[in-house]
Protein backbone atom coordinates (compact mmCIF):
# COMPACT_ATOMS: atom_id res chain seq x y z
CA MET A 1 -0.03 -0.03 0.33
CA LYS A 2 1.13 3.50 -0.53
CA ARG A 3 1.29 6.30 2.20
CA VAL A 4 -0.28 9.21 1.89
CA LYS A 5 -1.49 12.05 3.80
CA ASP A 6 -5.53 13.30 3.94
CA GLY A 7 -6.37 16.99 4.01
CA GLY A 8 -5.84 17.34 7.53
CA GLY A 9 -2.37 16.03 7.33
CA LYS A 10 -3.19 12.19 8.81
CA ALA A 11 -1.56 9.54 7.59
CA VAL A 12 -3.56 6.60 5.22
CA TYR A 13 -3.29 4.01 3.08
CA ALA A 14 -4.29 3.84 -0.32
CA ARG A 15 -3.59 1.06 -3.35
CA PRO A 16 -1.22 2.48 -5.52
CA SER A 17 -2.48 3.79 -9.18
CA PRO A 18 -4.13 0.88 -11.27
CA PHE A 19 -2.37 1.39 -14.10
CA ARG A 20 0.99 3.27 -14.64
CA THR A 21 3.07 2.67 -17.63
CA SER A 22 5.97 4.82 -19.09
CA GLN A 23 7.63 5.61 -22.53
CA THR A 24 9.80 3.60 -22.40
CA GLU A 25 7.40 0.55 -21.90
CA LEU A 26 4.79 2.26 -25.26
CA LEU A 27 8.05 1.89 -27.23
CA HIS A 28 8.69 -1.76 -26.13
CA LEU A 29 5.56 -2.57 -27.00
CA ALA A 30 4.95 -0.93 -29.99
CA ALA A 31 7.85 -2.50 -31.07
CA GLY A 32 6.68 -5.98 -29.63
CA ILE A 33 3.48 -5.40 -32.31
CA LEU A 34 5.57 -4.70 -35.05
CA VAL A 35 7.50 -7.66 -34.37
CA PHE A 36 4.94 -9.92 -33.98
CA TYR A 37 3.59 -8.35 -37.26
CA VAL A 38 6.23 -9.12 -39.54
CA VAL A 39 6.07 -13.17 -38.72
CA GLU A 40 2.37 -13.22 -39.10
CA ALA A 41 1.65 -10.80 -42.21
CA PRO A 42 3.42 -12.33 -45.03
CA ARG A 43 0.07 -14.84 -45.50
CA PHE A 44 -1.94 -12.08 -46.36
CA LEU A 45 0.29 -9.85 -49.11
CA ARG A 46 -1.68 -10.47 -51.77
CA SER A 47 -4.99 -10.10 -49.41
CA GLY A 48 -4.88 -6.20 -49.74
CA VAL A 49 -4.32 -2.96 -47.56
CA THR A 50 -7.49 -3.10 -45.98
CA THR A 51 -7.10 -7.16 -44.81
CA LEU A 52 -3.48 -5.68 -44.54
CA LEU A 53 -4.89 -3.51 -41.88
CA SER A 54 -7.02 -5.53 -40.06
CA VAL A 55 -4.67 -8.21 -39.51
CA ALA A 56 -2.58 -5.22 -37.39
CA GLY A 57 -5.46 -4.48 -34.94
CA ILE A 58 -6.08 -8.12 -34.25
CA ILE A 59 -2.43 -8.90 -33.79
CA ALA A 60 -2.07 -5.44 -31.63
CA LEU A 61 -5.14 -6.66 -29.70
CA ALA A 62 -4.21 -10.47 -28.84
CA PHE A 63 -0.70 -9.05 -27.77
CA VAL A 64 -1.61 -6.04 -26.35
CA LEU A 65 -4.29 -7.55 -23.82
CA HIS A 66 -2.69 -10.86 -23.61
CA GLU A 67 0.35 -8.02 -21.93
CA LEU A 68 -1.69 -5.85 -20.16
CA ALA A 69 -3.48 -8.54 -18.40
CA HIS A 70 -0.19 -9.74 -17.53
CA LYS A 71 0.42 -5.92 -16.29
CA LEU A 72 -2.55 -5.25 -14.50
CA THR A 73 -3.41 -8.29 -12.14
CA ALA A 74 0.90 -7.54 -11.17
CA GLN A 75 0.06 -3.78 -10.22
CA TYR A 76 -3.32 -4.99 -8.48
CA HIS A 77 -1.12 -7.12 -6.18
CA GLY A 78 0.70 -4.00 -5.69
CA LEU A 79 4.04 -5.24 -7.73
CA TRP A 80 5.58 -2.42 -10.41
CA SER A 81 5.28 -4.25 -13.99
CA GLU A 82 6.34 -3.63 -16.97
CA PHE A 83 6.72 -5.11 -20.78
CA ARG A 84 10.26 -5.24 -21.89
CA LEU A 85 11.67 -6.36 -25.36
CA ASP A 86 13.64 -9.60 -25.09
CA PRO A 87 16.90 -8.83 -28.00
CA LEU A 88 17.73 -12.52 -28.10
CA GLY A 89 13.23 -13.56 -28.28
CA THR A 90 13.22 -10.65 -31.46
CA LEU A 91 15.16 -12.43 -32.85
CA ILE A 92 13.84 -15.79 -32.81
CA SER A 93 11.01 -14.70 -34.05
CA LEU A 94 11.68 -12.58 -36.53
CA LEU A 95 14.13 -15.90 -38.13
CA THR A 96 10.66 -17.54 -37.96
CA ALA A 97 9.21 -15.47 -40.01
CA LEU A 98 9.42 -17.63 -42.97
CA SER A 99 9.14 -20.90 -41.58
CA PRO A 100 5.96 -22.57 -41.09
CA LEU A 101 6.53 -23.43 -37.73
CA LYS A 102 6.12 -19.16 -36.04
CA LEU A 103 7.79 -19.05 -32.69
CA ILE A 104 6.79 -15.46 -31.49
CA ALA A 105 8.01 -14.62 -27.68
CA PRO A 106 9.63 -10.96 -28.43
CA GLY A 107 9.56 -9.85 -24.59
CA ALA A 108 7.71 -10.04 -21.51
CA VAL A 109 6.18 -8.25 -19.06
CA VAL A 110 8.79 -7.65 -15.86
CA VAL A 111 7.53 -8.11 -12.57
CA PHE A 112 9.45 -6.25 -9.07
CA GLY A 113 8.52 -5.83 -5.96
CA PHE A 114 8.72 -7.27 -2.13
CA ARG A 115 5.30 -8.56 -2.50
CA ILE A 116 6.32 -11.33 -4.98
CA THR A 117 4.77 -14.88 -3.96
CA SER A 118 4.65 -18.04 -5.78
CA GLU A 119 0.73 -17.26 -5.60
CA ASN A 120 0.55 -13.76 -7.01
CA MET A 121 2.91 -14.88 -9.57
CA GLY A 122 0.84 -17.43 -10.99
CA LYS A 123 -1.95 -15.16 -11.19
CA ILE A 124 -0.41 -12.55 -12.90
CA ALA A 125 0.98 -15.63 -15.39
CA LEU A 126 -2.11 -16.81 -15.69
CA ALA A 127 -3.87 -13.36 -16.86
CA GLY A 128 -2.39 -12.96 -20.14
CA PRO A 129 -3.62 -16.27 -21.39
CA LEU A 130 -6.93 -16.18 -20.05
CA ALA A 131 -7.03 -12.83 -21.89
CA ASN A 132 -6.64 -14.73 -24.81
CA ILE A 133 -9.03 -17.06 -24.03
CA VAL A 134 -11.81 -14.70 -23.92
CA GLN A 135 -11.16 -13.08 -26.69
CA ILE A 136 -11.31 -16.71 -28.64
CA LEU A 137 -14.75 -17.09 -27.65
CA VAL A 138 -15.76 -13.63 -28.99
CA PHE A 139 -14.29 -14.30 -31.97
CA LEU A 140 -15.39 -17.76 -32.78
CA PHE A 141 -18.71 -16.00 -32.34
CA LEU A 142 -18.01 -12.76 -34.67
CA SER A 143 -16.14 -15.03 -36.98
CA GLN A 144 -19.35 -16.26 -38.47
CA PHE A 145 -20.09 -12.80 -39.38
CA PHE A 146 -16.91 -11.58 -40.54
CA PRO A 147 -14.72 -14.19 -41.46
CA LEU A 148 -11.34 -12.52 -41.23
CA LEU A 149 -12.27 -13.58 -37.62
CA ARG A 150 -11.12 -16.51 -37.66
CA PHE A 151 -7.46 -15.76 -38.07
CA ALA A 152 -8.46 -13.50 -34.44
CA VAL A 153 -9.41 -17.09 -33.32
CA MET A 154 -5.64 -18.05 -34.54
CA VAL A 155 -3.75 -15.84 -33.42
CA ASN A 156 -5.45 -15.58 -29.72
CA SER A 157 -5.59 -19.90 -29.21
CA ASP A 158 -1.38 -20.11 -30.82
CA LEU A 159 -0.48 -17.38 -28.01
CA ALA A 160 -2.58 -19.24 -25.56
CA ILE A 161 -1.48 -22.60 -25.48
CA PHE A 162 1.97 -21.97 -26.79
CA ASN A 163 2.46 -19.40 -22.93
CA LEU A 164 0.46 -22.09 -20.99
CA ILE A 165 3.41 -24.29 -21.96
CA PRO A 166 5.02 -25.34 -18.30
CA ILE A 167 8.79 -24.52 -19.08
CA SER A 168 10.60 -22.08 -17.60
CA ILE A 169 10.64 -18.81 -19.50
CA LEU A 170 7.12 -19.49 -19.94
CA ASP A 171 3.88 -18.23 -18.44
CA GLY A 172 2.49 -22.02 -17.82
CA GLN A 173 5.61 -22.37 -15.31
CA LYS A 174 4.82 -19.90 -13.20
CA VAL A 175 0.97 -21.29 -13.22
CA PHE A 176 1.98 -24.64 -13.05
CA ALA A 177 3.98 -23.86 -9.74
CA TRP A 178 1.34 -21.75 -7.80
CA SER A 179 -1.39 -24.38 -8.71
CA LYS A 180 -1.36 -27.42 -10.47
CA LYS A 181 -5.28 -27.59 -10.57
CA ALA A 182 -5.45 -23.91 -12.48
CA TRP A 183 -3.41 -24.71 -14.92
CA ALA A 184 -4.67 -28.21 -15.97
CA ALA A 185 -7.97 -25.61 -16.18
CA ALA A 186 -6.72 -23.74 -18.15
CA PHE A 187 -4.52 -25.45 -20.25
CA ALA A 188 -7.24 -28.29 -21.00
CA THR A 189 -9.36 -24.77 -21.65
CA ALA A 190 -6.77 -23.57 -24.11
CA LEU A 191 -5.89 -26.91 -26.12
CA ILE A 192 -9.27 -27.81 -27.10
CA LEU A 193 -10.06 -24.13 -28.32
CA TRP A 194 -6.74 -24.91 -30.20
CA ILE A 195 -7.66 -27.81 -31.48
CA MET A 196 -10.94 -26.66 -32.48
C-alpha cells in the first residue's frame, strides 16, 4: 500500500494507481507489435491493404491485451510491472517469419516488488492466457459474420496454448508452480479451443 496524507495531514494508506506506464514501455510494446506483425503478415501480402490493416489490428489486440492482463494483475498485487523487449526473443521471432513454424516471443512483462509470492506470480502469469481465451470465445462468435476474424481465433489460440506450456521461461511454469489444478483447467481449455 502507498502511504499518503489526507486533507487534515493524517497518514492514510491507499492502493497504488491501477495503471502506471512509461514512454519506454509504450515504445517496447509498439516494437513488440511490429515484430509480431512482421512474422504473421507475409501470408496476407496478396490480400490487399484493408486486410493487412485488419490483420495489424487483430495482432495488436491479441498481443497488447495479453501483456496488459499480466501488467494490471501485477499492479493489482502492488508490484511494479512493465513490458520489455527481449533481444534474443525478438531475433528468434524474426528468424521464424518465413518458416512454417512461428515462434513469437519478442518480450515479456517484467515484475518487481517485495510482495512477490508463488501465488501472485501464478495469477499474474495466468492472466495473459486467460485474456487470449476470452478473445477466442468472442471471435469464434463474431467469425460467423466476419470470416477474417478466424485469424483472430487462430492467433489467440496459438498465444494461449504456447504460453501455457509449463517450461521455465513461459507463463505455464509459473501457473503450474502455483496451482496444478488452475494450470490443468487453463491448459485443457486452451487445448480444446486450439484443436477446434
